PDB file of N, CA and C in Angstrom:
ATOM      1  N   MET A   1      -2.624   8.576 -20.052  1.00  0.00           N
ATOM      2  CA  MET A   1      -1.907   9.378 -20.320  1.00  0.00           C
ATOM      3  C   MET A   1      -1.504  10.225 -19.008  1.00  0.00           C
ATOM      4  N   GLU A   2      -0.408  11.014 -18.770  1.00  0.00           N
ATOM      5  CA  GLU A   2       0.088  11.356 -17.855  1.00  0.00           C
ATOM      6  C   GLU A   2       0.154  12.780 -17.932  1.00  0.00           C
ATOM      7  N   ILE A   3      -0.177  13.634 -17.175  1.00  0.00           N
ATOM      8  CA  ILE A   3      -0.121  15.279 -17.092  1.00  0.00           C
ATOM      9  C   ILE A   3       0.856  15.567 -15.864  1.00  0.00           C
ATOM     10  N   LYS A   4       1.456  16.766 -15.841  1.00  0.00           N
ATOM     11  CA  LYS A   4       2.363  17.240 -15.137  1.00  0.00           C
ATOM     12  C   LYS A   4       1.969  18.488 -14.933  1.00  0.00           C
ATOM     13  N   VAL A   5       1.860  19.088 -13.725  1.00  0.00           N
ATOM     14  CA  VAL A   5       1.427  20.558 -13.483  1.00  0.00           C
ATOM     15  C   VAL A   5       2.779  20.784 -12.767  1.00  0.00           C
ATOM     16  N   LEU A   6       3.541  21.862 -13.307  1.00  0.00           N
ATOM     17  CA  LEU A   6       5.087  22.029 -12.828  1.00  0.00           C
ATOM     18  C   LEU A   6       4.828  23.701 -12.032  1.00  0.00           C
ATOM     19  N   GLY A   7       5.106  23.591 -10.916  1.00  0.00           N
ATOM     20  CA  GLY A   7       4.947  24.895 -10.110  1.00  0.00           C
ATOM     21  C   GLY A   7       4.970  24.813  -8.857  1.00  0.00           C
ATOM     22  N   THR A   8       5.446  25.724  -8.351  1.00  0.00           N
ATOM     23  CA  THR A   8       5.703  26.090  -7.056  1.00  0.00           C
ATOM     24  C   THR A   8       4.344  25.946  -5.706  1.00  0.00           C
ATOM     25  N   GLY A   9       3.224  26.432  -6.205  1.00  0.00           N
ATOM     26  CA  GLY A   9       2.061  26.339  -5.675  1.00  0.00           C
ATOM     27  C   GLY A   9       1.593  27.946  -5.390  1.00  0.00           C
ATOM     28  N   CYS A  10       2.077  28.154  -6.589  1.00  0.00           N
ATOM     29  CA  CYS A  10       1.453  30.102  -6.765  1.00  0.00           C
ATOM     30  C   CYS A  10      -0.111  30.283  -7.126  1.00  0.00           C
ATOM     31  N   ALA A  11      -0.712  31.125  -7.492  1.00  0.00           N
ATOM     32  CA  ALA A  11      -1.925  31.354  -8.298  1.00  0.00           C
ATOM     33  C   ALA A  11      -2.099  30.894  -8.990  1.00  0.00           C
ATOM     34  N   ARG A  12      -1.213  31.101  -9.848  1.00  0.00           N
ATOM     35  CA  ARG A  12      -1.098  30.737 -11.643  1.00  0.00           C
ATOM     36  C   ARG A  12      -0.768  29.459 -11.606  1.00  0.00           C
ATOM     37  N   CYS A  13       0.038  28.738 -10.417  1.00  0.00           N
ATOM     38  CA  CYS A  13       0.096  27.091 -10.780  1.00  0.00           C
ATOM     39  C   CYS A  13      -1.312  26.244 -10.300  1.00  0.00           C
ATOM     40  N   LYS A  14      -1.937  26.987  -9.527  1.00  0.00           N
ATOM     41  CA  LYS A  14      -3.170  26.426  -9.144  1.00  0.00           C
ATOM     42  C   LYS A  14      -4.506  26.489 -10.305  1.00  0.00           C
ATOM     43  N   ALA A  15      -4.430  27.502 -10.485  1.00  0.00           N
ATOM     44  CA  ALA A  15      -5.208  28.186 -12.167  1.00  0.00           C
ATOM     45  C   ALA A  15      -4.951  27.246 -13.016  1.00  0.00           C
ATOM     46  N   LEU A  16      -3.769  26.570 -13.263  1.00  0.00           N
ATOM     47  CA  LEU A  16      -3.501  25.716 -14.251  1.00  0.00           C
ATOM     48  C   LEU A  16      -4.105  24.291 -14.403  1.00  0.00           C
ATOM     49  N   GLU A  17      -3.456  24.174 -12.685  1.00  0.00           N
ATOM     50  CA  GLU A  17      -3.710  22.609 -12.406  1.00  0.00           C
ATOM     51  C   GLU A  17      -5.840  22.510 -12.531  1.00  0.00           C
ATOM     52  N   GLN A  18      -6.414  23.863 -12.076  1.00  0.00           N
ATOM     53  CA  GLN A  18      -8.039  23.470 -12.275  1.00  0.00           C
ATOM     54  C   GLN A  18      -8.550  23.698 -13.553  1.00  0.00           C
ATOM     55  N   ASN A  19      -7.753  24.345 -14.495  1.00  0.00           N
ATOM     56  CA  ASN A  19      -8.021  24.446 -16.461  1.00  0.00           C
ATOM     57  C   ASN A  19      -7.731  22.967 -16.151  1.00  0.00           C
ATOM     58  N   VAL A  20      -6.800  22.060 -16.091  1.00  0.00           N
ATOM     59  CA  VAL A  20      -6.564  20.847 -16.598  1.00  0.00           C
ATOM     60  C   VAL A  20      -7.558  19.909 -16.292  1.00  0.00           C
ATOM     61  N   MET A  21      -7.823  20.089 -14.562  1.00  0.00           N
ATOM     62  CA  MET A  21      -9.085  19.298 -14.188  1.00  0.00           C
ATOM     63  C   MET A  21     -10.257  19.210 -15.084  1.00  0.00           C
ATOM     64  N   ASN A  22     -10.678  20.750 -15.227  1.00  0.00           N
ATOM     65  CA  ASN A  22     -11.855  21.001 -15.878  1.00  0.00           C
ATOM     66  C   ASN A  22     -11.738  20.257 -17.377  1.00  0.00           C
ATOM     67  N   ALA A  23     -10.446  20.671 -18.043  1.00  0.00           N
ATOM     68  CA  ALA A  23     -10.428  20.039 -19.504  1.00  0.00           C
ATOM     69  C   ALA A  23     -10.572  18.598 -19.633  1.00  0.00           C
ATOM     70  N   LEU A  24     -10.197  17.823 -18.297  1.00  0.00           N
ATOM     71  CA  LEU A  24     -10.427  16.302 -18.774  1.00  0.00           C
ATOM     72  C   LEU A  24     -11.712  15.794 -18.644  1.00  0.00           C
ATOM     73  N   ALA A  25     -12.151  16.775 -17.495  1.00  0.00           N
ATOM     74  CA  ALA A  25     -13.727  16.260 -17.063  1.00  0.00           C
ATOM     75  C   ALA A  25     -14.789  16.408 -18.143  1.00  0.00           C
ATOM     76  N   GLU A  26     -14.540  17.548 -18.978  1.00  0.00           N
ATOM     77  CA  GLU A  26     -15.239  17.780 -20.090  1.00  0.00           C
ATOM     78  C   GLU A  26     -15.070  17.107 -20.991  1.00  0.00           C
ATOM     79  N   MET A  27     -13.641  16.423 -21.274  1.00  0.00           N
ATOM     80  CA  MET A  27     -13.418  15.595 -22.288  1.00  0.00           C
ATOM     81  C   MET A  27     -13.566  14.243 -21.778  1.00  0.00           C
ATOM     82  N   GLY A  28     -13.937  13.865 -20.903  1.00  0.00           N
ATOM     83  CA  GLY A  28     -14.176  12.384 -20.175  1.00  0.00           C
ATOM     84  C   GLY A  28     -13.074  11.465 -20.383  1.00  0.00           C
ATOM     85  N   VAL A  29     -11.948  12.501 -20.093  1.00  0.00           N
ATOM     86  CA  VAL A  29     -10.550  11.451 -20.526  1.00  0.00           C
ATOM     87  C   VAL A  29      -9.792  11.219 -19.291  1.00  0.00           C
ATOM     88  N   ALA A  30      -9.541   9.880 -18.882  1.00  0.00           N
ATOM     89  CA  ALA A  30      -8.862   9.730 -17.616  1.00  0.00           C
ATOM     90  C   ALA A  30      -7.192   9.925 -17.874  1.00  0.00           C
ATOM     91  N   ALA A  31      -6.656  10.868 -16.796  1.00  0.00           N
ATOM     92  CA  ALA A  31      -5.317  10.804 -16.796  1.00  0.00           C
ATOM     93  C   ALA A  31      -4.533  10.849 -15.750  1.00  0.00           C
ATOM     94  N   ASP A  32      -3.393  10.356 -15.263  1.00  0.00           N
ATOM     95  CA  ASP A  32      -2.767  10.579 -13.798  1.00  0.00           C
ATOM     96  C   ASP A  32      -2.157  12.066 -14.061  1.00  0.00           C
ATOM     97  N   VAL A  33      -2.351  12.890 -13.165  1.00  0.00           N
ATOM     98  CA  VAL A  33      -2.213  14.477 -12.910  1.00  0.00           C
ATOM     99  C   VAL A  33      -1.331  14.380 -12.220  1.00  0.00           C
ATOM    100  N   GLU A  34      -0.225  14.855 -11.960  1.00  0.00           N
ATOM    101  CA  GLU A  34       1.064  15.252 -10.996  1.00  0.00           C
ATOM    102  C   GLU A  34       1.566  16.604 -10.935  1.00  0.00           C
ATOM    103  N   LYS A  35       1.484  16.852  -9.307  1.00  0.00           N
ATOM    104  CA  LYS A  35       1.994  17.832  -9.454  1.00  0.00           C
ATOM    105  C   LYS A  35       3.384  18.296  -9.103  1.00  0.00           C
ATOM    106  N   VAL A  36       4.446  18.800  -9.788  1.00  0.00           N
ATOM    107  CA  VAL A  36       5.631  18.776  -9.402  1.00  0.00           C
ATOM    108  C   VAL A  36       5.873  20.030  -8.837  1.00  0.00           C
ATOM    109  N   THR A  37       6.365  20.163  -7.708  1.00  0.00           N
ATOM    110  CA  THR A  37       6.264  21.384  -6.767  1.00  0.00           C
ATOM    111  C   THR A  37       7.920  21.736  -6.932  1.00  0.00           C
ATOM    112  N   ASP A  38       8.809  20.715  -6.686  1.00  0.00           N
ATOM    113  CA  ASP A  38      10.445  20.754  -6.650  1.00  0.00           C
ATOM    114  C   ASP A  38      10.917  21.595  -7.473  1.00  0.00           C
ATOM    115  N   ILE A  39      11.731  22.658  -7.136  1.00  0.00           N
ATOM    116  CA  ILE A  39      12.202  23.916  -8.095  1.00  0.00           C
ATOM    117  C   ILE A  39      13.090  23.133  -8.815  1.00  0.00           C
ATOM    118  N   ASN A  40      14.176  22.276  -8.473  1.00  0.00           N
ATOM    119  CA  ASN A  40      15.233  21.595  -9.315  1.00  0.00           C
ATOM    120  C   ASN A  40      14.421  20.469 -10.246  1.00  0.00           C
ATOM    121  N   LYS A  41      13.538  19.481  -9.922  1.00  0.00           N
ATOM    122  CA  LYS A  41      12.661  18.734 -10.793  1.00  0.00           C
ATOM    123  C   LYS A  41      11.978  19.664 -11.953  1.00  0.00           C
ATOM    124  N   ILE A  42      11.540  20.976 -11.625  1.00  0.00           N
ATOM    125  CA  ILE A  42      10.930  21.866 -12.724  1.00  0.00           C
ATOM    126  C   ILE A  42      11.881  22.355 -13.700  1.00  0.00           C
ATOM    127  N   THR A  43      13.160  22.793 -13.061  1.00  0.00           N
ATOM    128  CA  THR A  43      14.145  23.353 -14.137  1.00  0.00           C
ATOM    129  C   THR A  43      14.807  21.948 -14.762  1.00  0.00           C
ATOM    130  N   ASP A  44      14.633  20.834 -14.069  1.00  0.00           N
ATOM    131  CA  ASP A  44      15.200  19.738 -15.090  1.00  0.00           C
ATOM    132  C   ASP A  44      14.272  19.492 -16.309  1.00  0.00           C
ATOM    133  N   TYR A  45      13.187  19.926 -16.219  1.00  0.00           N
ATOM    134  CA  TYR A  45      12.368  19.661 -17.440  1.00  0.00           C
ATOM    135  C   TYR A  45      12.525  21.030 -18.456  1.00  0.00           C
ATOM    136  N   GLY A  46      13.206  21.867 -18.208  1.00  0.00           N
ATOM    137  CA  GLY A  46      13.619  23.098 -19.140  1.00  0.00           C
ATOM    138  C   GLY A  46      12.496  24.329 -18.437  1.00  0.00           C
ATOM    139  N   VAL A  47      12.139  24.371 -17.586  1.00  0.00           N
ATOM    140  CA  VAL A  47      10.875  25.318 -17.487  1.00  0.00           C
ATOM    141  C   VAL A  47      12.090  26.161 -16.401  1.00  0.00           C
ATOM    142  N   MET A  48      11.726  27.719 -17.306  1.00  0.00           N
ATOM    143  CA  MET A  48      12.396  28.645 -16.046  1.00  0.00           C
ATOM    144  C   MET A  48      11.393  29.440 -15.867  1.00  0.00           C
ATOM    145  N   MET A  49      10.115  29.695 -16.239  1.00  0.00           N
ATOM    146  CA  MET A  49       9.231  30.331 -15.536  1.00  0.00           C
ATOM    147  C   MET A  49       7.901  29.492 -15.404  1.00  0.00           C
ATOM    148  N   THR A  50       7.423  29.360 -13.841  1.00  0.00           N
ATOM    149  CA  THR A  50       6.077  28.559 -13.932  1.00  0.00           C
ATOM    150  C   THR A  50       5.015  29.558 -14.028  1.00  0.00           C
ATOM    151  N   PRO A  51       3.707  28.735 -14.086  1.00  0.00           N
ATOM    152  CA  PRO A  51       3.632  27.433 -14.252  1.00  0.00           C
ATOM    153  C   PRO A  51       4.011  26.850 -15.580  1.00  0.00           C
ATOM    154  N   GLY A  52       4.119  25.384 -15.513  1.00  0.00           N
ATOM    155  CA  GLY A  52       4.242  24.556 -16.822  1.00  0.00           C
ATOM    156  C   GLY A  52       3.619  23.488 -16.874  1.00  0.00           C
ATOM    157  N   LEU A  53       3.287  22.883 -18.119  1.00  0.00           N
ATOM    158  CA  LEU A  53       2.611  22.044 -18.382  1.00  0.00           C
ATOM    159  C   LEU A  53       3.201  21.117 -19.215  1.00  0.00           C
ATOM    160  N   MET A  54       3.141  19.755 -19.063  1.00  0.00           N
ATOM    161  CA  MET A  54       3.800  18.386 -19.651  1.00  0.00           C
ATOM    162  C   MET A  54       2.299  17.703 -19.939  1.00  0.00           C
ATOM    163  N   VAL A  55       2.249  17.034 -20.874  1.00  0.00           N
ATOM    164  CA  VAL A  55       1.406  15.826 -21.468  1.00  0.00           C
ATOM    165  C   VAL A  55       2.297  14.894 -22.212  1.00  0.00           C
ATOM    166  N   ASN A  56       2.130  13.773 -21.547  1.00  0.00           N
ATOM    167  CA  ASN A  56       2.664  12.489 -21.999  1.00  0.00           C
ATOM    168  C   ASN A  56       4.488  12.827 -22.240  1.00  0.00           C
ATOM    169  N   ASN A  57       5.140  13.423 -21.177  1.00  0.00           N
ATOM    170  CA  ASN A  57       6.223  13.822 -21.109  1.00  0.00           C
ATOM    171  C   ASN A  57       6.768  14.898 -22.349  1.00  0.00           C
ATOM    172  N   LYS A  58       5.736  15.607 -22.795  1.00  0.00           N
ATOM    173  CA  LYS A  58       5.907  16.516 -23.615  1.00  0.00           C
ATOM    174  C   LYS A  58       5.899  18.083 -23.130  1.00  0.00           C
ATOM    175  N   LEU A  59       7.090  19.080 -23.219  1.00  0.00           N
ATOM    176  CA  LEU A  59       6.209  20.087 -22.423  1.00  0.00           C
ATOM    177  C   LEU A  59       5.552  20.727 -23.546  1.00  0.00           C
ATOM    178  N   LYS A  60       4.362  21.428 -23.251  1.00  0.00           N
ATOM    179  CA  LYS A  60       3.571  21.964 -23.941  1.00  0.00           C
ATOM    180  C   LYS A  60       3.587  23.561 -23.926  1.00  0.00           C
ATOM    181  N   VAL A  61       3.853  23.922 -22.530  1.00  0.00           N
ATOM    182  CA  VAL A  61       3.776  25.475 -22.275  1.00  0.00           C
ATOM    183  C   VAL A  61       4.261  26.025 -20.964  1.00  0.00           C
ATOM    184  N   PHE A  62       5.105  27.103 -20.819  1.00  0.00           N
ATOM    185  CA  PHE A  62       5.576  27.664 -19.495  1.00  0.00           C
ATOM    186  C   PHE A  62       5.578  28.781 -19.356  1.00  0.00           C
ATOM    187  N   GLY A  63       5.329  29.521 -18.318  1.00  0.00           N
ATOM    188  CA  GLY A  63       5.261  30.758 -18.228  1.00  0.00           C
ATOM    189  C   GLY A  63       3.947  31.694 -18.365  1.00  0.00           C
ATOM    190  N   ARG A  64       2.881  30.614 -18.367  1.00  0.00           N
ATOM    191  CA  ARG A  64       1.830  31.156 -18.547  1.00  0.00           C
ATOM    192  C   ARG A  64       0.584  30.364 -18.135  1.00  0.00           C
ATOM    193  N   VAL A  65      -0.426  30.916 -18.082  1.00  0.00           N
ATOM    194  CA  VAL A  65      -1.581  29.933 -17.939  1.00  0.00           C
ATOM    195  C   VAL A  65      -2.525  29.766 -19.058  1.00  0.00           C
ATOM    196  N   PRO A  66      -2.172  28.557 -19.867  1.00  0.00           N
ATOM    197  CA  PRO A  66      -3.289  28.455 -20.859  1.00  0.00           C
ATOM    198  C   PRO A  66      -4.864  28.317 -20.651  1.00  0.00           C
ATOM    199  N   ASP A  67      -5.742  28.540 -21.502  1.00  0.00           N
ATOM    200  CA  ASP A  67      -7.026  28.592 -21.154  1.00  0.00           C
ATOM    201  C   ASP A  67      -7.469  27.029 -21.348  1.00  0.00           C
ATOM    202  N   LYS A  68      -8.154  26.659 -21.052  1.00  0.00           N
ATOM    203  CA  LYS A  68      -9.129  25.345 -20.999  1.00  0.00           C
ATOM    204  C   LYS A  68      -9.029  24.714 -22.373  1.00  0.00           C
ATOM    205  N   GLU A  69      -9.472  25.821 -23.268  1.00  0.00           N
ATOM    206  CA  GLU A  69      -9.529  25.317 -24.691  1.00  0.00           C
ATOM    207  C   GLU A  69      -8.389  25.061 -25.264  1.00  0.00           C
ATOM    208  N   GLU A  70      -7.281  25.544 -24.927  1.00  0.00           N
ATOM    209  CA  GLU A  70      -5.987  25.342 -25.626  1.00  0.00           C
ATOM    210  C   GLU A  70      -5.342  24.086 -24.813  1.00  0.00           C
ATOM    211  N   ILE A  71      -5.943  23.653 -23.511  1.00  0.00           N
ATOM    212  CA  ILE A  71      -5.255  22.447 -22.775  1.00  0.00           C
ATOM    213  C   ILE A  71      -5.830  21.397 -23.654  1.00  0.00           C
ATOM    214  N   LYS A  72      -7.287  21.512 -23.950  1.00  0.00           N
ATOM    215  CA  LYS A  72      -8.002  20.226 -24.462  1.00  0.00           C
ATOM    216  C   LYS A  72      -7.338  19.934 -25.818  1.00  0.00           C
ATOM    217  N   LYS A  73      -6.963  20.877 -26.705  1.00  0.00           N
ATOM    218  CA  LYS A  73      -6.314  20.571 -27.654  1.00  0.00           C
ATOM    219  C   LYS A  73      -5.139  19.892 -27.618  1.00  0.00           C
ATOM    220  N   TRP A  74      -4.370  20.086 -26.644  1.00  0.00           N
ATOM    221  CA  TRP A  74      -2.669  19.278 -26.274  1.00  0.00           C
ATOM    222  C   TRP A  74      -3.367  17.840 -26.109  1.00  0.00           C
ATOM    223  N   ILE A  75      -4.231  17.688 -25.035  1.00  0.00           N
ATOM    224  CA  ILE A  75      -4.506  16.433 -24.830  1.00  0.00           C
ATOM    225  C   ILE A  75      -5.599  15.742 -25.802  1.00  0.00           C
ATOM    226  N   GLN A  76      -6.224  16.202 -26.695  1.00  0.00           N
ATOM    227  CA  GLN A  76      -6.700  15.700 -27.941  1.00  0.00           C
ATOM    228  C   GLN A  76      -5.261  15.221 -28.904  1.00  0.00           C
ATOM    229  N   GLU A  77      -4.740  16.036 -28.929  1.00  0.00           N
ATOM    230  CA  GLU A  77      -3.448  15.736 -30.021  1.00  0.00           C
ATOM    231  C   GLU A  77      -2.709  14.458 -29.648  1.00  0.00           C
ATOM    232  N   GLU A  78      -2.547  14.118 -28.373  1.00  0.00           N
ATOM    233  CA  GLU A  78      -1.982  13.285 -27.492  1.00  0.00           C
ATOM    234  C   GLU A  78      -2.930  11.860 -27.608  1.00  0.00           C
ATOM    235  N   ILE A  79      -4.295  11.785 -27.612  1.00  0.00           N
ATOM    236  CA  ILE A  79      -4.492  10.995 -27.753  1.00  0.00           C
ATOM    237  C   ILE A  79      -4.890  10.390 -29.195  1.00  0.00           C
ATOM    238  N   SER A  80      -4.781  11.177 -30.317  1.00  0.00           N
ATOM    239  CA  SER A  80      -4.791  10.891 -31.571  1.00  0.00           C
ATOM    240  C   SER A  80      -3.805   9.889 -32.207  1.00  0.00           C
TER     241      SER A  80
END
């Protein structure tokens, strides 16, 4: 599984990254988590407001910090 946290390093971007790590740990799922901080790459993914989250190259959310349970749901969808 590949997860990308899209953001420039703001507090909300860091909160999203922490929620992703907590969700993965609780689920016992291994994933490659990449932080994408280059604004040009972020906009190439269609993200106009950070933070953004991609799971297996599918954009799940941007412009807000989803809670851990929402992230777990997206991870489970990709496992199934």
